Amino acid sequence: MESNSTPKKRVVISYKNLSPELQEEVKKKYPYGYTENMIRIDKSPTDFFYAIMLETEDTSYLIKVDVKVDTGEEEDEKDFFEEDISGAEEIADTSDDSDEE
């Protein structure tokens, strides 16, 4: 049995470079988000990206998506905990006041 169909074109593209029509197709395919459908593509032992797949009638897309990767550094936490929280003393004191009443 012979197949007269031509093979699908394969394209790797960034999500931000997709046409508005293809962005709508992504939203239809992944209405609740695509976090669970991302795949990691290793370009080299130290370089990689995350992507999702989208199939159209004539093209198979591998769409690069931006992902914030936790590097394990504690910089963000350090900045968060070093800041003073205004009013923290008043909040702590109000629990003591309620015991006296």
PDB file of N, CA and C in Angstrom:
ATOM      1  N   MET A   1       0.845  -1.179   0.000  1.00  0.00           N
ATOM      2  CA  MET A   1       0.000   0.000   0.000  1.00  0.00           C
ATOM      3  C   MET A   1       0.887   1.238   0.000  1.00  0.00           C
ATOM      4  N   GLU A   2       0.746   2.075  -0.986  1.00  0.00           N
ATOM      5  CA  GLU A   2       1.551   3.281  -1.121  1.00  0.00           C
ATOM      6  C   GLU A   2       0.865   4.466  -0.458  1.00  0.00           C
ATOM      7  N   SER A   3       1.677   5.329   0.093  1.00  0.00           N
ATOM      8  CA  SER A   3       1.149   6.540   0.707  1.00  0.00           C
ATOM      9  C   SER A   3       1.532   7.726  -0.167  1.00  0.00           C
ATOM     10  N   ASN A   4       0.549   8.496  -0.571  1.00  0.00           N
ATOM     11  CA  ASN A   4       0.794   9.667  -1.411  1.00  0.00           C
ATOM     12  C   ASN A   4       1.053  10.925  -0.604  1.00  0.00           C
ATOM     13  N   SER A   5       0.933  10.828   0.718  1.00  0.00           N
ATOM     14  CA  SER A   5       1.134  12.025   1.537  1.00  0.00           C
ATOM     15  C   SER A   5       2.621  12.338   1.672  1.00  0.00           C
ATOM     16  N   THR A   6       2.917  13.611   1.709  1.00  0.00           N
ATOM     17  CA  THR A   6       4.294  14.045   1.891  1.00  0.00           C
ATOM     18  C   THR A   6       4.585  14.091   3.384  1.00  0.00           C
ATOM     19  N   PRO A   7       5.832  13.886   3.777  1.00  0.00           N
ATOM     20  CA  PRO A   7       6.151  13.945   5.209  1.00  0.00           C
ATOM     21  C   PRO A   7       5.937  15.359   5.752  1.00  0.00           C
ATOM     22  N   LYS A   8       5.590  15.398   7.030  1.00  0.00           N
ATOM     23  CA  LYS A   8       5.377  16.701   7.666  1.00  0.00           C
ATOM     24  C   LYS A   8       6.693  17.452   7.796  1.00  0.00           C
ATOM     25  N   LYS A   9       6.589  18.749   7.659  1.00  0.00           N
ATOM     26  CA  LYS A   9       7.728  19.633   7.891  1.00  0.00           C
ATOM     27  C   LYS A   9       7.952  19.684   9.400  1.00  0.00           C
ATOM     28  N   ARG A  10       9.208  19.686   9.842  1.00  0.00           N
ATOM     29  CA  ARG A  10       9.543  19.744  11.257  1.00  0.00           C
ATOM     30  C   ARG A  10      10.212  21.083  11.549  1.00  0.00           C
ATOM     31  N   VAL A  11       9.658  21.806  12.532  1.00  0.00           N
ATOM     32  CA  VAL A  11      10.126  23.161  12.828  1.00  0.00           C
ATOM     33  C   VAL A  11      10.385  23.294  14.329  1.00  0.00           C
ATOM     34  N   VAL A  12      11.522  23.908  14.672  1.00  0.00           N
ATOM     35  CA  VAL A  12      11.822  24.288  16.051  1.00  0.00           C
ATOM     36  C   VAL A  12      11.718  25.807  16.105  1.00  0.00           C
ATOM     37  N   ILE A  13      10.879  26.307  17.029  1.00  0.00           N
ATOM     38  CA  ILE A  13      10.621  27.743  17.098  1.00  0.00           C
ATOM     39  C   ILE A  13      10.332  28.142  18.543  1.00  0.00           C
ATOM     40  N   SER A  14      10.654  29.367  18.879  1.00  0.00           N
ATOM     41  CA  SER A  14      10.361  29.891  20.200  1.00  0.00           C
ATOM     42  C   SER A  14       8.890  30.316  20.270  1.00  0.00           C
ATOM     43  N   TYR A  15       8.285  30.137  21.433  1.00  0.00           N
ATOM     44  CA  TYR A  15       6.877  30.516  21.592  1.00  0.00           C
ATOM     45  C   TYR A  15       6.649  31.972  21.225  1.00  0.00           C
ATOM     46  N   LYS A  16       7.566  32.847  21.621  1.00  0.00           N
ATOM     47  CA  LYS A  16       7.380  34.279  21.359  1.00  0.00           C
ATOM     48  C   LYS A  16       7.453  34.609  19.870  1.00  0.00           C
ATOM     49  N   ASN A  17       7.997  33.698  19.053  1.00  0.00           N
ATOM     50  CA  ASN A  17       8.075  33.924  17.608  1.00  0.00           C
ATOM     51  C   ASN A  17       6.938  33.254  16.830  1.00  0.00           C
ATOM     52  N   LEU A  18       6.025  32.608  17.534  1.00  0.00           N
ATOM     53  CA  LEU A  18       4.880  31.983  16.864  1.00  0.00           C
ATOM     54  C   LEU A  18       3.912  33.043  16.362  1.00  0.00           C
ATOM     55  N   SER A  19       3.235  32.725  15.294  1.00  0.00           N
ATOM     56  CA  SER A  19       2.188  33.618  14.804  1.00  0.00           C
ATOM     57  C   SER A  19       1.033  33.608  15.815  1.00  0.00           C
ATOM     58  N   PRO A  20       0.211  34.640  15.827  1.00  0.00           N
ATOM     59  CA  PRO A  20      -0.941  34.659  16.734  1.00  0.00           C
ATOM     60  C   PRO A  20      -1.862  33.449  16.526  1.00  0.00           C
ATOM     61  N   GLU A  21      -1.979  32.985  15.297  1.00  0.00           N
ATOM     62  CA  GLU A  21      -2.828  31.822  15.012  1.00  0.00           C
ATOM     63  C   GLU A  21      -2.275  30.566  15.690  1.00  0.00           C
ATOM     64  N   LEU A  22      -0.950  30.381  15.609  1.00  0.00           N
ATOM     65  CA  LEU A  22      -0.352  29.208  16.245  1.00  0.00           C
ATOM     66  C   LEU A  22      -0.368  29.328  17.771  1.00  0.00           C
ATOM     67  N   GLN A  23      -0.250  30.541  18.288  1.00  0.00           N
ATOM     68  CA  GLN A  23      -0.370  30.726  19.736  1.00  0.00           C
ATOM     69  C   GLN A  23      -1.769  30.322  20.203  1.00  0.00           C
ATOM     70  N   GLU A  24      -2.773  30.632  19.406  1.00  0.00           N
ATOM     71  CA  GLU A  24      -4.143  30.216  19.731  1.00  0.00           C
ATOM     72  C   GLU A  24      -4.270  28.699  19.705  1.00  0.00           C
ATOM     73  N   GLU A  25      -3.599  28.048  18.751  1.00  0.00           N
ATOM     74  CA  GLU A  25      -3.626  26.587  18.680  1.00  0.00           C
ATOM     75  C   GLU A  25      -2.987  25.968  19.926  1.00  0.00           C
ATOM     76  N   VAL A  26      -1.905  26.577  20.404  1.00  0.00           N
ATOM     77  CA  VAL A  26      -1.258  26.102  21.631  1.00  0.00           C
ATOM     78  C   VAL A  26      -2.222  26.228  22.800  1.00  0.00           C
ATOM     79  N   LYS A  27      -2.923  27.355  22.880  1.00  0.00           N
ATOM     80  CA  LYS A  27      -3.881  27.568  23.969  1.00  0.00           C
ATOM     81  C   LYS A  27      -5.025  26.564  23.907  1.00  0.00           C
ATOM     82  N   LYS A  28      -5.443  26.194  22.710  1.00  0.00           N
ATOM     83  CA  LYS A  28      -6.500  25.193  22.553  1.00  0.00           C
ATOM     84  C   LYS A  28      -6.017  23.809  22.976  1.00  0.00           C
ATOM     85  N   LYS A  29      -4.783  23.466  22.580  1.00  0.00           N
ATOM     86  CA  LYS A  29      -4.252  22.140  22.893  1.00  0.00           C
ATOM     87  C   LYS A  29      -3.947  22.007  24.380  1.00  0.00           C
ATOM     88  N   TYR A  30      -3.500  23.084  25.001  1.00  0.00           N
ATOM     89  CA  TYR A  30      -3.118  23.065  26.416  1.00  0.00           C
ATOM     90  C   TYR A  30      -3.950  24.094  27.187  1.00  0.00           C
ATOM     91  N   PRO A  31      -5.253  23.884  27.320  1.00  0.00           N
ATOM     92  CA  PRO A  31      -6.107  24.895  27.967  1.00  0.00           C
ATOM     93  C   PRO A  31      -5.794  25.115  29.445  1.00  0.00           C
ATOM     94  N   TYR A  32      -5.189  24.140  30.096  1.00  0.00           N
ATOM     95  CA  TYR A  32      -4.871  24.271  31.518  1.00  0.00           C
ATOM     96  C   TYR A  32      -3.363  24.461  31.746  1.00  0.00           C
ATOM     97  N   GLY A  33      -2.645  24.817  30.690  1.00  0.00           N
ATOM     98  CA  GLY A  33      -1.204  25.012  30.786  1.00  0.00           C
ATOM     99  C   GLY A  33      -0.456  23.792  30.273  1.00  0.00           C
ATOM    100  N   TYR A  34       0.816  23.979  30.011  1.00  0.00           N
ATOM    101  CA  TYR A  34       1.592  22.903  29.407  1.00  0.00           C
ATOM    102  C   TYR A  34       2.725  22.411  30.299  1.00  0.00           C
ATOM    103  N   THR A  35       2.720  22.779  31.563  1.00  0.00           N
ATOM    104  CA  THR A  35       3.792  22.386  32.467  1.00  0.00           C
ATOM    105  C   THR A  35       4.007  20.872  32.474  1.00  0.00           C
ATOM    106  N   GLU A  36       2.937  20.124  32.501  1.00  0.00           N
ATOM    107  CA  GLU A  36       3.032  18.667  32.560  1.00  0.00           C
ATOM    108  C   GLU A  36       3.466  18.061  31.223  1.00  0.00           C
ATOM    109  N   ASN A  37       3.444  18.825  30.153  1.00  0.00           N
ATOM    110  CA  ASN A  37       3.751  18.309  28.822  1.00  0.00           C
ATOM    111  C   ASN A  37       5.096  18.779  28.281  1.00  0.00           C
ATOM    112  N   MET A  38       5.860  19.496  29.092  1.00  0.00           N
ATOM    113  CA  MET A  38       7.150  19.991  28.628  1.00  0.00           C
ATOM    114  C   MET A  38       8.160  18.849  28.566  1.00  0.00           C
ATOM    115  N   ILE A  39       9.034  18.942  27.580  1.00  0.00           N
ATOM    116  CA  ILE A  39      10.120  17.984  27.477  1.00  0.00           C
ATOM    117  C   ILE A  39      11.431  18.752  27.486  1.00  0.00           C
ATOM    118  N   ARG A  40      12.451  18.116  28.020  1.00  0.00           N
ATOM    119  CA  ARG A  40      13.777  18.746  28.061  1.00  0.00           C
ATOM    120  C   ARG A  40      14.564  18.272  26.849  1.00  0.00           C
ATOM    121  N   ILE A  41      15.109  19.219  26.107  1.00  0.00           N
ATOM    122  CA  ILE A  41      15.916  18.927  24.925  1.00  0.00           C
ATOM    123  C   ILE A  41      17.358  19.293  25.256  1.00  0.00           C
ATOM    124  N   ASP A  42      18.239  18.308  25.257  1.00  0.00           N
ATOM    125  CA  ASP A  42      19.657  18.550  25.535  1.00  0.00           C
ATOM    126  C   ASP A  42      20.386  18.840  24.236  1.00  0.00           C
ATOM    127  N   LYS A  43      20.951  20.046  24.145  1.00  0.00           N
ATOM    128  CA  LYS A  43      21.734  20.429  22.969  1.00  0.00           C
ATOM    129  C   LYS A  43      23.174  19.973  23.123  1.00  0.00           C
ATOM    130  N   SER A  44      23.669  19.990  24.349  1.00  0.00           N
ATOM    131  CA  SER A  44      25.012  19.524  24.692  1.00  0.00           C
ATOM    132  C   SER A  44      24.954  19.124  26.161  1.00  0.00           C
ATOM    133  N   PRO A  45      26.031  18.593  26.703  1.00  0.00           N
ATOM    134  CA  PRO A  45      25.987  18.210  28.127  1.00  0.00           C
ATOM    135  C   PRO A  45      25.676  19.367  29.080  1.00  0.00           C
ATOM    136  N   THR A  46      25.946  20.598  28.642  1.00  0.00           N
ATOM    137  CA  THR A  46      25.708  21.742  29.533  1.00  0.00           C
ATOM    138  C   THR A  46      24.646  22.704  29.021  1.00  0.00           C
ATOM    139  N   ASP A  47      24.080  22.454  27.861  1.00  0.00           N
ATOM    140  CA  ASP A  47      23.115  23.380  27.265  1.00  0.00           C
ATOM    141  C   ASP A  47      21.835  22.628  26.917  1.00  0.00           C
ATOM    142  N   PHE A  48      20.709  23.165  27.352  1.00  0.00           N
ATOM    143  CA  PHE A  48      19.427  22.525  27.087  1.00  0.00           C
ATOM    144  C   PHE A  48      18.326  23.574  27.035  1.00  0.00           C
ATOM    145  N   PHE A  49      17.149  23.149  26.577  1.00  0.00           N
ATOM    146  CA  PHE A  49      15.968  24.000  26.619  1.00  0.00           C
ATOM    147  C   PHE A  49      14.753  23.120  26.827  1.00  0.00           C
ATOM    148  N   TYR A  50      13.648  23.741  27.213  1.00  0.00           N
ATOM    149  CA  TYR A  50      12.394  23.029  27.379  1.00  0.00           C
ATOM    150  C   TYR A  50      11.476  23.372  26.216  1.00  0.00           C
ATOM    151  N   ALA A  51      10.652  22.412  25.833  1.00  0.00           N
ATOM    152  CA  ALA A  51       9.785  22.610  24.681  1.00  0.00           C
ATOM    153  C   ALA A  51       8.485  21.829  24.856  1.00  0.00           C
ATOM    154  N   ILE A  52       7.501  22.234  24.062  1.00  0.00           N
ATOM    155  CA  ILE A  52       6.248  21.493  23.939  1.00  0.00           C
ATOM    156  C   ILE A  52       6.048  21.178  22.463  1.00  0.00           C
ATOM    157  N   MET A  53       5.173  20.238  22.191  1.00  0.00           N
ATOM    158  CA  MET A  53       4.945  19.848  20.803  1.00  0.00           C
ATOM    159  C   MET A  53       3.557  20.300  20.346  1.00  0.00           C
ATOM    160  N   LEU A  54       3.478  20.643  19.065  1.00  0.00           N
ATOM    161  CA  LEU A  54       2.211  21.014  18.444  1.00  0.00           C
ATOM    162  C   LEU A  54       2.211  20.463  17.027  1.00  0.00           C
ATOM    163  N   GLU A  55       1.166  19.747  16.693  1.00  0.00           N
ATOM    164  CA  GLU A  55       1.025  19.176  15.353  1.00  0.00           C
ATOM    165  C   GLU A  55      -0.069  19.922  14.604  1.00  0.00           C
ATOM    166  N   THR A  56       0.250  20.324  13.383  1.00  0.00           N
ATOM    167  CA  THR A  56      -0.777  20.859  12.493  1.00  0.00           C
ATOM    168  C   THR A  56      -0.877  19.892  11.317  1.00  0.00           C
ATOM    169  N   GLU A  57      -1.717  20.208  10.380  1.00  0.00           N
ATOM    170  CA  GLU A  57      -1.935  19.311   9.258  1.00  0.00           C
ATOM    171  C   GLU A  57      -0.657  19.022   8.472  1.00  0.00           C
ATOM    172  N   ASP A  58       0.191  20.032   8.316  1.00  0.00           N
ATOM    173  CA  ASP A  58       1.380  19.855   7.486  1.00  0.00           C
ATOM    174  C   ASP A  58       2.708  20.040   8.210  1.00  0.00           C
ATOM    175  N   THR A  59       2.667  20.413   9.511  1.00  0.00           N
ATOM    176  CA  THR A  59       3.905  20.726  10.223  1.00  0.00           C
ATOM    177  C   THR A  59       3.883  20.166  11.639  1.00  0.00           C
ATOM    178  N   SER A  60       5.032  19.696  12.077  1.00  0.00           N
ATOM    179  CA  SER A  60       5.231  19.260  13.448  1.00  0.00           C
ATOM    180  C   SER A  60       6.152  20.281  14.117  1.00  0.00           C
ATOM    181  N   TYR A  61       5.635  20.980  15.128  1.00  0.00           N
ATOM    182  CA  TYR A  61       6.383  22.044  15.797  1.00  0.00           C
ATOM    183  C   TYR A  61       6.960  21.564  17.123  1.00  0.00           C
ATOM    184  N   LEU A  62       8.190  21.934  17.374  1.00  0.00           N
ATOM    185  CA  LEU A  62       8.810  21.809  18.674  1.00  0.00           C
ATOM    186  C   LEU A  62       8.971  23.248  19.145  1.00  0.00           C
ATOM    187  N   ILE A  63       8.180  23.635  20.130  1.00  0.00           N
ATOM    188  CA  ILE A  63       8.097  25.034  20.546  1.00  0.00           C
ATOM    189  C   ILE A  63       8.886  25.239  21.834  1.00  0.00           C
ATOM    190  N   LYS A  64       9.925  26.062  21.752  1.00  0.00           N
ATOM    191  CA  LYS A  64      10.741  26.380  22.925  1.00  0.00           C
ATOM    192  C   LYS A  64       9.926  27.270  23.860  1.00  0.00           C
ATOM    193  N   VAL A  65       9.944  26.915  25.147  1.00  0.00           N
ATOM    194  CA  VAL A  65       9.247  27.728  26.141  1.00  0.00           C
ATOM    195  C   VAL A  65      10.244  28.166  27.201  1.00  0.00           C
ATOM    196  N   ASP A  66      10.056  29.378  27.703  1.00  0.00           N
ATOM    197  CA  ASP A  66      10.926  29.905  28.741  1.00  0.00           C
ATOM    198  C   ASP A  66      10.556  29.279  30.078  1.00  0.00           C
ATOM    199  N   VAL A  67      11.566  28.799  30.775  1.00  0.00           N
ATOM    200  CA  VAL A  67      11.371  28.186  32.083  1.00  0.00           C
ATOM    201  C   VAL A  67      12.415  28.756  33.016  1.00  0.00           C
ATOM    202  N   LYS A  68      11.975  29.183  34.193  1.00  0.00           N
ATOM    203  CA  LYS A  68      12.934  29.643  35.196  1.00  0.00           C
ATOM    204  C   LYS A  68      13.415  28.409  35.940  1.00  0.00           C
ATOM    205  N   VAL A  69      14.698  28.136  35.835  1.00  0.00           N
ATOM    206  CA  VAL A  69      15.280  26.960  36.453  1.00  0.00           C
ATOM    207  C   VAL A  69      15.904  27.354  37.776  1.00  0.00           C
ATOM    208  N   ASP A  70      15.566  26.622  38.834  1.00  0.00           N
ATOM    209  CA  ASP A  70      16.131  26.870  40.149  1.00  0.00           C
ATOM    210  C   ASP A  70      17.581  26.409  40.139  1.00  0.00           C
ATOM    211  N   THR A  71      18.491  27.333  40.369  1.00  0.00           N
ATOM    212  CA  THR A  71      19.916  27.013  40.326  1.00  0.00           C
ATOM    213  C   THR A  71      20.436  26.540  41.673  1.00  0.00           C
ATOM    214  N   GLY A  72      19.595  26.585  42.703  1.00  0.00           N
ATOM    215  CA  GLY A  72      20.029  26.151  44.017  1.00  0.00           C
ATOM    216  C   GLY A  72      20.709  27.239  44.815  1.00  0.00           C
ATOM    217  N   GLU A  73      20.921  28.385  44.208  1.00  0.00           N
ATOM    218  CA  GLU A  73      21.539  29.479  44.932  1.00  0.00           C
ATOM    219  C   GLU A  73      20.522  30.082  45.879  1.00  0.00           C
ATOM    220  N   GLU A  74      21.004  30.547  47.004  1.00  0.00           N
ATOM    221  CA  GLU A  74      20.104  31.084  48.014  1.00  0.00           C
ATOM    222  C   GLU A  74      20.020  32.601  47.962  1.00  0.00           C
ATOM    223  N   GLU A  75      20.398  33.218  46.846  1.00  0.00           N
ATOM    224  CA  GLU A  75      20.366  34.678  46.712  1.00  0.00           C
ATOM    225  C   GLU A  75      18.969  35.231  46.939  1.00  0.00           C
ATOM    226  N   ASP A  76      17.970  34.636  46.293  1.00  0.00           N
ATOM    227  CA  ASP A  76      16.611  35.153  46.414  1.00  0.00           C
ATOM    228  C   ASP A  76      16.124  35.063  47.849  1.00  0.00           C
ATOM    229  N   GLU A  77      16.369  33.939  48.506  1.00  0.00           N
ATOM    230  CA  GLU A  77      15.940  33.775  49.887  1.00  0.00           C
ATOM    231  C   GLU A  77      16.680  34.754  50.791  1.00  0.00           C
ATOM    232  N   LYS A  78      17.967  34.957  50.535  1.00  0.00           N
ATOM    233  CA  LYS A  78      18.767  35.868  51.346  1.00  0.00           C
ATOM    234  C   LYS A  78      18.161  37.267  51.299  1.00  0.00           C
ATOM    235  N   ASP A  79      17.831  37.755  50.121  1.00  0.00           N
ATOM    236  CA  ASP A  79      17.226  39.076  49.985  1.00  0.00           C
ATOM    237  C   ASP A  79      15.881  39.132  50.686  1.00  0.00           C
ATOM    238  N   PHE A  80      15.110  38.080  50.601  1.00  0.00           N
ATOM    239  CA  PHE A  80      13.777  38.064  51.198  1.00  0.00           C
ATOM    240  C   PHE A  80      13.848  38.163  52.714  1.00  0.00           C
ATOM    241  N   PHE A  81      14.737  37.415  53.326  1.00  0.00           N
ATOM    242  CA  PHE A  81      14.782  37.376  54.778  1.00  0.00           C
ATOM    243  C   PHE A  81      15.554  38.527  55.395  1.00  0.00           C
ATOM    244  N   GLU A  82      16.346  39.233  54.614  1.00  0.00           N
ATOM    245  CA  GLU A  82      17.092  40.359  55.168  1.00  0.00           C
ATOM    246  C   GLU A  82      16.239  41.614  55.276  1.00  0.00           C
ATOM    247  N   GLU A  83      15.138  41.674  54.551  1.00  0.00           N
ATOM    248  CA  GLU A  83      14.297  42.867  54.598  1.00  0.00           C
ATOM    249  C   GLU A  83      13.497  42.900  55.896  1.00  0.00           C
ATOM    250  N   ASP A  84      13.360  44.097  56.451  1.00  0.00           N
ATOM    251  CA  ASP A  84      12.527  44.256  57.631  1.00  0.00           C
ATOM    252  C   ASP A  84      11.072  44.314  57.208  1.00  0.00           C
ATOM    253  N   ILE A  85      10.232  43.681  57.977  1.00  0.00           N
ATOM    254  CA  ILE A  85       8.796  43.719  57.706  1.00  0.00           C
ATOM    255  C   ILE A  85       8.213  44.770  58.623  1.00  0.00           C
ATOM    256  N   SER A  86       7.691  45.843  58.019  1.00  0.00           N
ATOM    257  CA  SER A  86       7.159  46.915  58.851  1.00  0.00           C
ATOM    258  C   SER A  86       5.885  46.445  59.536  1.00  0.00           C
ATOM    259  N   GLY A  87       5.756  46.776  60.782  1.00  0.00           N
ATOM    260  CA  GLY A  87       4.565  46.408  61.528  1.00  0.00           C
ATOM    261  C   GLY A  87       4.633  45.041  62.172  1.00  0.00           C
ATOM    262  N   ALA A  88       5.736  44.332  62.015  1.00  0.00           N
ATOM    263  CA  ALA A  88       5.852  42.987  62.581  1.00  0.00           C
ATOM    264  C   ALA A  88       5.744  43.022  64.107  1.00  0.00           C
ATOM    265  N   GLU A  89       6.292  44.075  64.732  1.00  0.00           N
ATOM    266  CA  GLU A  89       6.238  44.164  66.186  1.00  0.00           C
ATOM    267  C   GLU A  89       4.801  44.319  66.675  1.00  0.00           C
ATOM    268  N   GLU A  90       4.004  45.122  65.944  1.00  0.00           N
ATOM    269  CA  GLU A  90       2.622  45.342  66.341  1.00  0.00           C
ATOM    270  C   GLU A  90       1.803  44.055  66.224  1.00  0.00           C
ATOM    271  N   ILE A  91       2.071  43.286  65.197  1.00  0.00           N
ATOM    272  CA  ILE A  91       1.331  42.023  65.015  1.00  0.00           C
ATOM    273  C   ILE A  91       1.660  41.075  66.155  1.00  0.00           C
ATOM    274  N   ALA A  92       2.926  40.982  66.502  1.00  0.00           N
ATOM    275  CA  ALA A  92       3.347  40.101  67.592  1.00  0.00           C
ATOM    276  C   ALA A  92       2.757  40.573  68.920  1.00  0.00           C
ATOM    277  N   ASP A  93       2.692  41.888  69.122  1.00  0.00           N
ATOM    278  CA  ASP A  93       2.176  42.439  70.371  1.00  0.00           C
ATOM    279  C   ASP A  93       0.679  42.247  70.502  1.00  0.00           C
ATOM    280  N   THR A  94      -0.079  42.242  69.411  1.00  0.00           N
ATOM    281  CA  THR A  94      -1.534  42.126  69.513  1.00  0.00           C
ATOM    282  C   THR A  94      -1.939  40.771  70.057  1.00  0.00           C
ATOM    283  N   SER A  95      -1.163  39.727  69.804  1.00  0.00           N
ATOM    284  CA  SER A  95      -1.530  38.415  70.350  1.00  0.00           C
ATOM    285  C   SER A  95      -1.380  38.412  71.867  1.00  0.00           C
ATOM    286  N   ASP A  96      -0.408  39.177  72.396  1.00  0.00           N
ATOM    287  CA  ASP A  96      -0.226  39.263  73.829  1.00  0.00           C
ATOM    288  C   ASP A  96      -1.361  40.058  74.473  1.00  0.00           C
ATOM    289  N   ASP A  97      -1.852  41.125  73.795  1.00  0.00           N
ATOM    290  CA  ASP A  97      -2.918  41.950  74.316  1.00  0.00           C
ATOM    291  C   ASP A  97      -4.205  41.170  74.449  1.00  0.00           C
ATOM    292  N   SER A  98      -4.492  40.249  73.520  1.00  0.00           N
ATOM    293  CA  SER A  98      -5.749  39.501  73.569  1.00  0.00           C
ATOM    294  C   SER A  98      -5.784  38.553  74.755  1.00  0.00           C
ATOM    295  N   ASP A  99      -4.623  38.113  75.256  1.00  0.00           N
ATOM    296  CA  ASP A  99      -4.583  37.222  76.409  1.00  0.00           C
ATOM    297  C   ASP A  99      -4.944  37.956  77.697  1.00  0.00           C
ATOM    298  N   GLU A 100      -4.642  39.272  77.747  1.00  0.00           N
ATOM    299  CA  GLU A 100      -4.891  40.051  78.955  1.00  0.00           C
ATOM    300  C   GLU A 100      -6.342  40.392  79.105  1.00  0.00           C
ATOM    301  N   GLU A 101      -7.118  40.431  78.043  1.00  0.00           N
ATOM    302  CA  GLU A 101      -8.517  40.881  78.143  1.00  0.00           C
ATOM    303  C   GLU A 101      -9.428  39.839  78.677  1.00  0.00           C
TER     304      GLU A 101
END
